[in-house]
């Protein structure tokens, strides 16, 4: 995941094991967009990209959605 988010090989990002953390100096795509003036939001479910692994860098909002179903008033009937 670190390689995908930073475009760096593991030996360059420093993330080579499951418990490694993305270093603060590794520049993510979210940081590039944020620096260019975009507002950024990260919505994740994969535990390997939890913010404590460093993947929240550059996001204005970085959150994991709840596992609740959408309220009935937001659901649509399947048209098939």
PDB file of N, CA and C in Angstrom:
ATOM      1  N   UNK A   1       0.814  -1.185   0.000  1.00  0.00           N
ATOM      2  CA  UNK A   1       0.000   0.000   0.000  1.00  0.00           C
ATOM      3  C   UNK A   1       0.865   1.259   0.000  1.00  0.00           C
ATOM      4  N   UNK A   2       1.976   1.220   0.725  1.00  0.00           N
ATOM      5  CA  UNK A   2       2.857   2.392   0.766  1.00  0.00           C
ATOM      6  C   UNK A   2       3.393   2.729  -0.619  1.00  0.00           C
ATOM      7  N   UNK A   3       3.725   1.719  -1.397  1.00  0.00           N
ATOM      8  CA  UNK A   3       4.234   1.958  -2.751  1.00  0.00           C
ATOM      9  C   UNK A   3       3.165   2.561  -3.645  1.00  0.00           C
ATOM     10  N   UNK A   4       1.943   2.102  -3.505  1.00  0.00           N
ATOM     11  CA  UNK A   4       0.850   2.637  -4.314  1.00  0.00           C
ATOM     12  C   UNK A   4       0.593   4.099  -3.962  1.00  0.00           C
ATOM     13  N   UNK A   5       0.601   4.429  -2.683  1.00  0.00           N
ATOM     14  CA  UNK A   5       0.265   5.773  -2.233  1.00  0.00           C
ATOM     15  C   UNK A   5       1.386   6.783  -2.438  1.00  0.00           C
ATOM     16  N   UNK A   6       2.641   6.305  -2.539  1.00  0.00           N
ATOM     17  CA  UNK A   6       3.769   7.237  -2.651  1.00  0.00           C
ATOM     18  C   UNK A   6       4.531   7.125  -3.964  1.00  0.00           C
ATOM     19  N   UNK A   7       4.288   6.088  -4.750  1.00  0.00           N
ATOM     20  CA  UNK A   7       5.027   5.817  -5.986  1.00  0.00           C
ATOM     21  C   UNK A   7       6.505   5.548  -5.715  1.00  0.00           C
ATOM     22  N   UNK A   8       6.791   5.035  -4.521  1.00  0.00           N
ATOM     23  CA  UNK A   8       8.162   4.675  -4.156  1.00  0.00           C
ATOM     24  C   UNK A   8       8.272   3.178  -3.949  1.00  0.00           C
ATOM     25  N   UNK A   9       9.416   2.617  -4.332  1.00  0.00           N
ATOM     26  CA  UNK A   9       9.674   1.221  -4.008  1.00  0.00           C
ATOM     27  C   UNK A   9       9.829   1.078  -2.499  1.00  0.00           C
ATOM     28  N   UNK A  10       9.542  -0.097  -1.946  1.00  0.00           N
ATOM     29  CA  UNK A  10       9.631  -0.282  -0.495  1.00  0.00           C
ATOM     30  C   UNK A  10      10.975   0.141   0.106  1.00  0.00           C
ATOM     31  N   UNK A  11      12.062  -0.146  -0.566  1.00  0.00           N
ATOM     32  CA  UNK A  11      13.362   0.229  -0.009  1.00  0.00           C
ATOM     33  C   UNK A  11      13.553   1.744   0.051  1.00  0.00           C
ATOM     34  N   UNK A  12      12.781   2.496  -0.752  1.00  0.00           N
ATOM     35  CA  UNK A  12      12.865   3.957  -0.727  1.00  0.00           C
ATOM     36  C   UNK A  12      11.864   4.583   0.253  1.00  0.00           C
ATOM     37  N   UNK A  13      10.721   3.931   0.441  1.00  0.00           N
ATOM     38  CA  UNK A  13       9.732   4.461   1.386  1.00  0.00           C
ATOM     39  C   UNK A  13      10.045   4.029   2.815  1.00  0.00           C
ATOM     40  N   UNK A  14      10.820   2.960   2.953  1.00  0.00           N
ATOM     41  CA  UNK A  14      11.140   2.456   4.281  1.00  0.00           C
ATOM     42  C   UNK A  14      10.093   1.502   4.829  1.00  0.00           C
ATOM     43  N   UNK A  15       9.063   1.229   4.064  1.00  0.00           N
ATOM     44  CA  UNK A  15       8.007   0.317   4.505  1.00  0.00           C
ATOM     45  C   UNK A  15       8.251  -1.034   3.839  1.00  0.00           C
ATOM     46  N   UNK A  16       8.841  -1.936   4.592  1.00  0.00           N
ATOM     47  CA  UNK A  16       9.165  -3.263   4.063  1.00  0.00           C
ATOM     48  C   UNK A  16       8.536  -4.390   4.873  1.00  0.00           C
ATOM     49  N   UNK A  17       7.917  -4.046   6.008  1.00  0.00           N
ATOM     50  CA  UNK A  17       7.269  -5.041   6.864  1.00  0.00           C
ATOM     51  C   UNK A  17       5.859  -4.579   7.191  1.00  0.00           C
ATOM     52  N   UNK A  18       5.043  -5.495   7.661  1.00  0.00           N
ATOM     53  CA  UNK A  18       3.652  -5.182   7.964  1.00  0.00           C
ATOM     54  C   UNK A  18       3.488  -4.155   9.081  1.00  0.00           C
ATOM     55  N   UNK A  19       4.463  -4.033   9.958  1.00  0.00           N
ATOM     56  CA  UNK A  19       4.335  -3.095  11.082  1.00  0.00           C
ATOM     57  C   UNK A  19       5.119  -1.799  10.878  1.00  0.00           C
ATOM     58  N   UNK A  20       5.677  -1.588   9.671  1.00  0.00           N
ATOM     59  CA  UNK A  20       6.387  -0.336   9.376  1.00  0.00           C
ATOM     60  C   UNK A  20       5.387   0.795   9.173  1.00  0.00           C
ATOM     61  N   UNK A  21       5.836   2.002   9.451  1.00  0.00           N
ATOM     62  CA  UNK A  21       5.002   3.193   9.323  1.00  0.00           C
ATOM     63  C   UNK A  21       5.563   4.066   8.209  1.00  0.00           C
ATOM     64  N   UNK A  22       4.684   4.634   7.408  1.00  0.00           N
ATOM     65  CA  UNK A  22       5.093   5.534   6.332  1.00  0.00           C
ATOM     66  C   UNK A  22       5.767   6.753   6.944  1.00  0.00           C
ATOM     67  N   UNK A  23       7.009   7.059   6.567  1.00  0.00           N
ATOM     68  CA  UNK A  23       7.694   8.210   7.166  1.00  0.00           C
ATOM     69  C   UNK A  23       7.049   9.537   6.750  1.00  0.00           C
ATOM     70  N   UNK A  24       7.168  10.523   7.622  1.00  0.00           N
ATOM     71  CA  UNK A  24       6.563  11.838   7.366  1.00  0.00           C
ATOM     72  C   UNK A  24       7.127  12.498   6.115  1.00  0.00           C
ATOM     73  N   UNK A  25       8.374  12.190   5.743  1.00  0.00           N
ATOM     74  CA  UNK A  25       8.965  12.822   4.566  1.00  0.00           C
ATOM     75  C   UNK A  25       8.570  12.141   3.255  1.00  0.00           C
ATOM     76  N   UNK A  26       7.861  11.012   3.310  1.00  0.00           N
ATOM     77  CA  UNK A  26       7.354  10.369   2.096  1.00  0.00           C
ATOM     78  C   UNK A  26       6.147  11.167   1.626  1.00  0.00           C
ATOM     79  N   UNK A  27       6.166  11.623   0.398  1.00  0.00           N
ATOM     80  CA  UNK A  27       5.107  12.491  -0.127  1.00  0.00           C
ATOM     81  C   UNK A  27       4.021  11.635  -0.785  1.00  0.00           C
ATOM     82  N   UNK A  28       2.805  11.765  -0.282  1.00  0.00           N
ATOM     83  CA  UNK A  28       1.677  11.024  -0.845  1.00  0.00           C
ATOM     84  C   UNK A  28       0.957  11.876  -1.893  1.00  0.00           C
ATOM     85  N   UNK A  29       0.140  11.218  -2.701  1.00  0.00           N
ATOM     86  CA  UNK A  29      -0.649  11.945  -3.703  1.00  0.00           C
ATOM     87  C   UNK A  29      -1.574  12.956  -3.031  1.00  0.00           C
ATOM     88  N   UNK A  30      -2.113  12.598  -1.868  1.00  0.00           N
ATOM     89  CA  UNK A  30      -2.984  13.530  -1.144  1.00  0.00           C
ATOM     90  C   UNK A  30      -2.227  14.791  -0.759  1.00  0.00           C
ATOM     91  N   UNK A  31      -0.966  14.666  -0.389  1.00  0.00           N
ATOM     92  CA  UNK A  31      -0.159  15.840  -0.043  1.00  0.00           C
ATOM     93  C   UNK A  31       0.094  16.713  -1.264  1.00  0.00           C
ATOM     94  N   UNK A  32       0.317  16.098  -2.404  1.00  0.00           N
ATOM     95  CA  UNK A  32       0.534  16.854  -3.646  1.00  0.00           C
ATOM     96  C   UNK A  32      -0.726  17.662  -3.976  1.00  0.00           C
ATOM     97  N   UNK A  33      -1.897  17.017  -3.902  1.00  0.00           N
ATOM     98  CA  UNK A  33      -3.150  17.717  -4.166  1.00  0.00           C
ATOM     99  C   UNK A  33      -3.406  18.800  -3.121  1.00  0.00           C
ATOM    100  N   UNK A  34      -3.164  18.486  -1.857  1.00  0.00           N
ATOM    101  CA  UNK A  34      -3.375  19.461  -0.778  1.00  0.00           C
ATOM    102  C   UNK A  34      -2.486  20.688  -0.985  1.00  0.00           C
ATOM    103  N   UNK A  35      -1.226  20.459  -1.319  1.00  0.00           N
ATOM    104  CA  UNK A  35      -0.285  21.558  -1.557  1.00  0.00           C
ATOM    105  C   UNK A  35      -0.682  22.409  -2.762  1.00  0.00           C
ATOM    106  N   UNK A  36      -1.421  21.800  -3.707  1.00  0.00           N
ATOM    107  CA  UNK A  36      -1.877  22.530  -4.897  1.00  0.00           C
ATOM    108  C   UNK A  36      -3.182  23.282  -4.639  1.00  0.00           C
ATOM    109  N   UNK A  37      -3.693  23.197  -3.401  1.00  0.00           N
ATOM    110  CA  UNK A  37      -4.880  23.960  -3.056  1.00  0.00           C
ATOM    111  C   UNK A  37      -6.183  23.185  -3.034  1.00  0.00           C
ATOM    112  N   UNK A  38      -6.125  21.891  -3.275  1.00  0.00           N
ATOM    113  CA  UNK A  38      -7.334  21.080  -3.238  1.00  0.00           C
ATOM    114  C   UNK A  38      -7.666  20.709  -1.794  1.00  0.00           C
ATOM    115  N   UNK A  39      -8.953  20.546  -1.510  1.00  0.00           N
ATOM    116  CA  UNK A  39      -9.368  19.979  -0.233  1.00  0.00           C
ATOM    117  C   UNK A  39      -9.395  18.471  -0.434  1.00  0.00           C
ATOM    118  N   UNK A  40      -8.865  17.727   0.506  1.00  0.00           N
ATOM    119  CA  UNK A  40      -8.719  16.291   0.324  1.00  0.00           C
ATOM    120  C   UNK A  40      -9.450  15.519   1.412  1.00  0.00           C
ATOM    121  N   UNK A  41     -10.028  14.392   1.015  1.00  0.00           N
ATOM    122  CA  UNK A  41     -10.717  13.516   1.955  1.00  0.00           C
ATOM    123  C   UNK A  41     -10.346  12.081   1.626  1.00  0.00           C
ATOM    124  N   UNK A  42     -10.044  11.331   2.648  1.00  0.00           N
ATOM    125  CA  UNK A  42      -9.743   9.914   2.497  1.00  0.00           C
ATOM    126  C   UNK A  42     -10.777   9.104   3.253  1.00  0.00           C
ATOM    127  N   UNK A  43     -11.424   8.183   2.560  1.00  0.00           N
ATOM    128  CA  UNK A  43     -12.406   7.296   3.173  1.00  0.00           C
ATOM    129  C   UNK A  43     -11.887   5.889   2.960  1.00  0.00           C
ATOM    130  N   UNK A  44     -11.604   5.190   4.036  1.00  0.00           N
ATOM    131  CA  UNK A  44     -10.927   3.904   3.936  1.00  0.00           C
ATOM    132  C   UNK A  44     -11.643   2.849   4.765  1.00  0.00           C
ATOM    133  N   UNK A  45     -11.437   1.605   4.389  1.00  0.00           N
ATOM    134  CA  UNK A  45     -11.910   0.452   5.156  1.00  0.00           C
ATOM    135  C   UNK A  45     -10.793  -0.545   5.396  1.00  0.00           C
ATOM    136  N   UNK A  46      -9.732  -0.471   4.615  1.00  0.00           N
ATOM    137  CA  UNK A  46      -8.599  -1.389   4.737  1.00  0.00           C
ATOM    138  C   UNK A  46      -7.773  -0.986   5.965  1.00  0.00           C
ATOM    139  N   UNK A  47      -7.711  -1.847   6.956  1.00  0.00           N
ATOM    140  CA  UNK A  47      -6.984  -1.549   8.183  1.00  0.00           C
ATOM    141  C   UNK A  47      -5.509  -1.276   7.992  1.00  0.00           C
ATOM    142  N   UNK A  48      -4.948  -1.719   6.881  1.00  0.00           N
ATOM    143  CA  UNK A  48      -3.521  -1.493   6.627  1.00  0.00           C
ATOM    144  C   UNK A  48      -3.235  -0.061   6.213  1.00  0.00           C
ATOM    145  N   UNK A  49      -4.255   0.730   5.959  1.00  0.00           N
ATOM    146  CA  UNK A  49      -4.053   2.143   5.639  1.00  0.00           C
ATOM    147  C   UNK A  49      -4.606   3.043   6.748  1.00  0.00           C
ATOM    148  N   UNK A  50      -4.708   2.520   7.935  1.00  0.00           N
ATOM    149  CA  UNK A  50      -5.100   3.290   9.128  1.00  0.00           C
ATOM    150  C   UNK A  50      -4.157   4.479   9.273  1.00  0.00           C
ATOM    151  N   UNK A  51      -4.653   5.560   9.821  1.00  0.00           N
ATOM    152  CA  UNK A  51      -3.844   6.777   9.930  1.00  0.00           C
ATOM    153  C   UNK A  51      -2.600   6.595  10.781  1.00  0.00           C
ATOM    154  N   UNK A  52      -2.625   5.694  11.758  1.00  0.00           N
ATOM    155  CA  UNK A  52      -1.416   5.518  12.561  1.00  0.00           C
ATOM    156  C   UNK A  52      -0.286   4.837  11.798  1.00  0.00           C
ATOM    157  N   UNK A  53      -0.559   4.335  10.592  1.00  0.00           N
ATOM    158  CA  UNK A  53       0.505   3.837   9.709  1.00  0.00           C
ATOM    159  C   UNK A  53       1.050   4.951   8.820  1.00  0.00           C
ATOM    160  N   UNK A  54       0.534   6.172   8.959  1.00  0.00           N
ATOM    161  CA  UNK A  54       1.026   7.314   8.207  1.00  0.00           C
ATOM    162  C   UNK A  54       0.259   7.629   6.940  1.00  0.00           C
ATOM    163  N   UNK A  55      -0.803   6.893   6.669  1.00  0.00           N
ATOM    164  CA  UNK A  55      -1.515   7.087   5.411  1.00  0.00           C
ATOM    165  C   UNK A  55      -2.479   8.266   5.426  1.00  0.00           C
ATOM    166  N   UNK A  56      -2.666   8.911   6.559  1.00  0.00           N
ATOM    167  CA  UNK A  56      -3.534  10.081   6.633  1.00  0.00           C
ATOM    168  C   UNK A  56      -2.847  11.368   6.205  1.00  0.00           C
ATOM    169  N   UNK A  57      -1.568  11.282   5.845  1.00  0.00           N
ATOM    170  CA  UNK A  57      -0.798  12.466   5.452  1.00  0.00           C
ATOM    171  C   UNK A  57      -1.435  13.173   4.262  1.00  0.00           C
ATOM    172  N   UNK A  58      -1.671  14.472   4.393  1.00  0.00           N
ATOM    173  CA  UNK A  58      -2.164  15.274   3.290  1.00  0.00           C
ATOM    174  C   UNK A  58      -3.671  15.362   3.179  1.00  0.00           C
ATOM    175  N   UNK A  59      -4.388  14.589   3.971  1.00  0.00           N
ATOM    176  CA  UNK A  59      -5.846  14.630   3.912  1.00  0.00           C
ATOM    177  C   UNK A  59      -6.387  15.632   4.917  1.00  0.00           C
ATOM    178  N   UNK A  60      -7.366  16.431   4.490  1.00  0.00           N
ATOM    179  CA  UNK A  60      -8.069  17.305   5.417  1.00  0.00           C
ATOM    180  C   UNK A  60      -8.971  16.467   6.320  1.00  0.00           C
ATOM    181  N   UNK A  61      -9.585  15.463   5.739  1.00  0.00           N
ATOM    182  CA  UNK A  61     -10.441  14.527   6.465  1.00  0.00           C
ATOM    183  C   UNK A  61      -9.975  13.126   6.096  1.00  0.00           C
ATOM    184  N   UNK A  62      -9.753  12.285   7.090  1.00  0.00           N
ATOM    185  CA  UNK A  62      -9.346  10.903   6.846  1.00  0.00           C
ATOM    186  C   UNK A  62     -10.141  10.032   7.810  1.00  0.00           C
ATOM    187  N   UNK A  63     -11.109   9.304   7.294  1.00  0.00           N
ATOM    188  CA  UNK A  63     -12.038   8.603   8.159  1.00  0.00           C
ATOM    189  C   UNK A  63     -12.404   7.223   7.638  1.00  0.00           C
ATOM    190  N   UNK A  64     -12.798   6.393   8.568  1.00  0.00           N
ATOM    191  CA  UNK A  64     -13.314   5.065   8.239  1.00  0.00           C
ATOM    192  C   UNK A  64     -14.823   5.117   8.432  1.00  0.00           C
ATOM    193  N   UNK A  65     -15.596   4.791   7.393  1.00  0.00           N
ATOM    194  CA  UNK A  65     -17.054   4.863   7.535  1.00  0.00           C
ATOM    195  C   UNK A  65     -17.560   3.799   8.498  1.00  0.00           C
ATOM    196  N   UNK A  66     -18.705   4.075   9.094  1.00  0.00           N
ATOM    197  CA  UNK A  66     -19.297   3.090   9.995  1.00  0.00           C
ATOM    198  C   UNK A  66     -19.851   1.929   9.175  1.00  0.00           C
ATOM    199  N   UNK A  67     -20.122   0.858   9.839  1.00  0.00           N
ATOM    200  CA  UNK A  67     -20.630  -0.328   9.153  1.00  0.00           C
ATOM    201  C   UNK A  67     -22.151  -0.383   9.155  1.00  0.00           C
ATOM    202  N   UNK A  68     -22.778   0.715   9.571  1.00  0.00           N
ATOM    203  CA  UNK A  68     -24.232   0.757   9.569  1.00  0.00           C
ATOM    204  C   UNK A  68     -24.746   0.849   8.142  1.00  0.00           C
ATOM    205  N   UNK A  69     -25.929   0.351   7.931  1.00  0.00           N
ATOM    206  CA  UNK A  69     -26.584   0.494   6.636  1.00  0.00           C
ATOM    207  C   UNK A  69     -27.094   1.925   6.497  1.00  0.00           C
ATOM    208  N   UNK A  70     -27.255   2.351   5.279  1.00  0.00           N
ATOM    209  CA  UNK A  70     -27.802   3.691   5.026  1.00  0.00           C
ATOM    210  C   UNK A  70     -29.252   3.739   5.502  1.00  0.00           C
ATOM    211  N   UNK A  71     -29.690   4.900   5.997  1.00  0.00           N
ATOM    212  CA  UNK A  71     -31.091   5.025   6.412  1.00  0.00           C
ATOM    213  C   UNK A  71     -32.034   4.724   5.252  1.00  0.00           C
ATOM    214  N   UNK A  72     -33.220   4.255   5.568  1.00  0.00           N
ATOM    215  CA  UNK A  72     -34.183   3.855   4.538  1.00  0.00           C
ATOM    216  C   UNK A  72     -34.503   4.995   3.571  1.00  0.00           C
ATOM    217  N   UNK A  73     -34.559   6.238   4.042  1.00  0.00           N
ATOM    218  CA  UNK A  73     -34.905   7.346   3.156  1.00  0.00           C
ATOM    219  C   UNK A  73     -33.808   7.621   2.122  1.00  0.00           C
ATOM    220  N   UNK A  74     -32.606   7.079   2.325  1.00  0.00           N
ATOM    221  CA  UNK A  74     -31.509   7.274   1.369  1.00  0.00           C
ATOM    222  C   UNK A  74     -31.379   6.104   0.402  1.00  0.00           C
ATOM    223  N   UNK A  75     -32.030   5.026   0.675  1.00  0.00           N
ATOM    224  CA  UNK A  75     -31.917   3.845  -0.183  1.00  0.00           C
ATOM    225  C   UNK A  75     -32.843   3.940  -1.392  1.00  0.00           C
ATOM    226  N   UNK A  76     -32.424   3.297  -2.466  1.00  0.00           N
ATOM    227  CA  UNK A  76     -33.243   3.235  -3.658  1.00  0.00           C
ATOM    228  C   UNK A  76     -33.566   1.786  -3.949  1.00  0.00           C
ATOM    229  N   UNK A  77     -34.688   1.596  -4.574  1.00  0.00           N
ATOM    230  CA  UNK A  77     -35.067   0.243  -4.954  1.00  0.00           C
ATOM    231  C   UNK A  77     -34.242  -0.178  -6.168  1.00  0.00           C
ATOM    232  N   UNK A  78     -33.824  -1.423  -6.192  1.00  0.00           N
ATOM    233  CA  UNK A  78     -33.077  -1.956  -7.315  1.00  0.00           C
ATOM    234  C   UNK A  78     -34.003  -2.030  -8.522  1.00  0.00           C
ATOM    235  N   UNK A  79     -33.619  -1.402  -9.626  1.00  0.00           N
ATOM    236  CA  UNK A  79     -34.494  -1.330 -10.813  1.00  0.00           C
ATOM    237  C   UNK A  79     -34.440  -2.562 -11.688  1.00  0.00           C
ATOM    238  N   UNK A  80     -33.631  -3.510 -11.390  1.00  0.00           N
ATOM    239  CA  UNK A  80     -33.524  -4.709 -12.240  1.00  0.00           C
ATOM    240  C   UNK A  80     -34.638  -5.663 -12.025  1.00  0.00           C
TER     241      UNK A  80
END
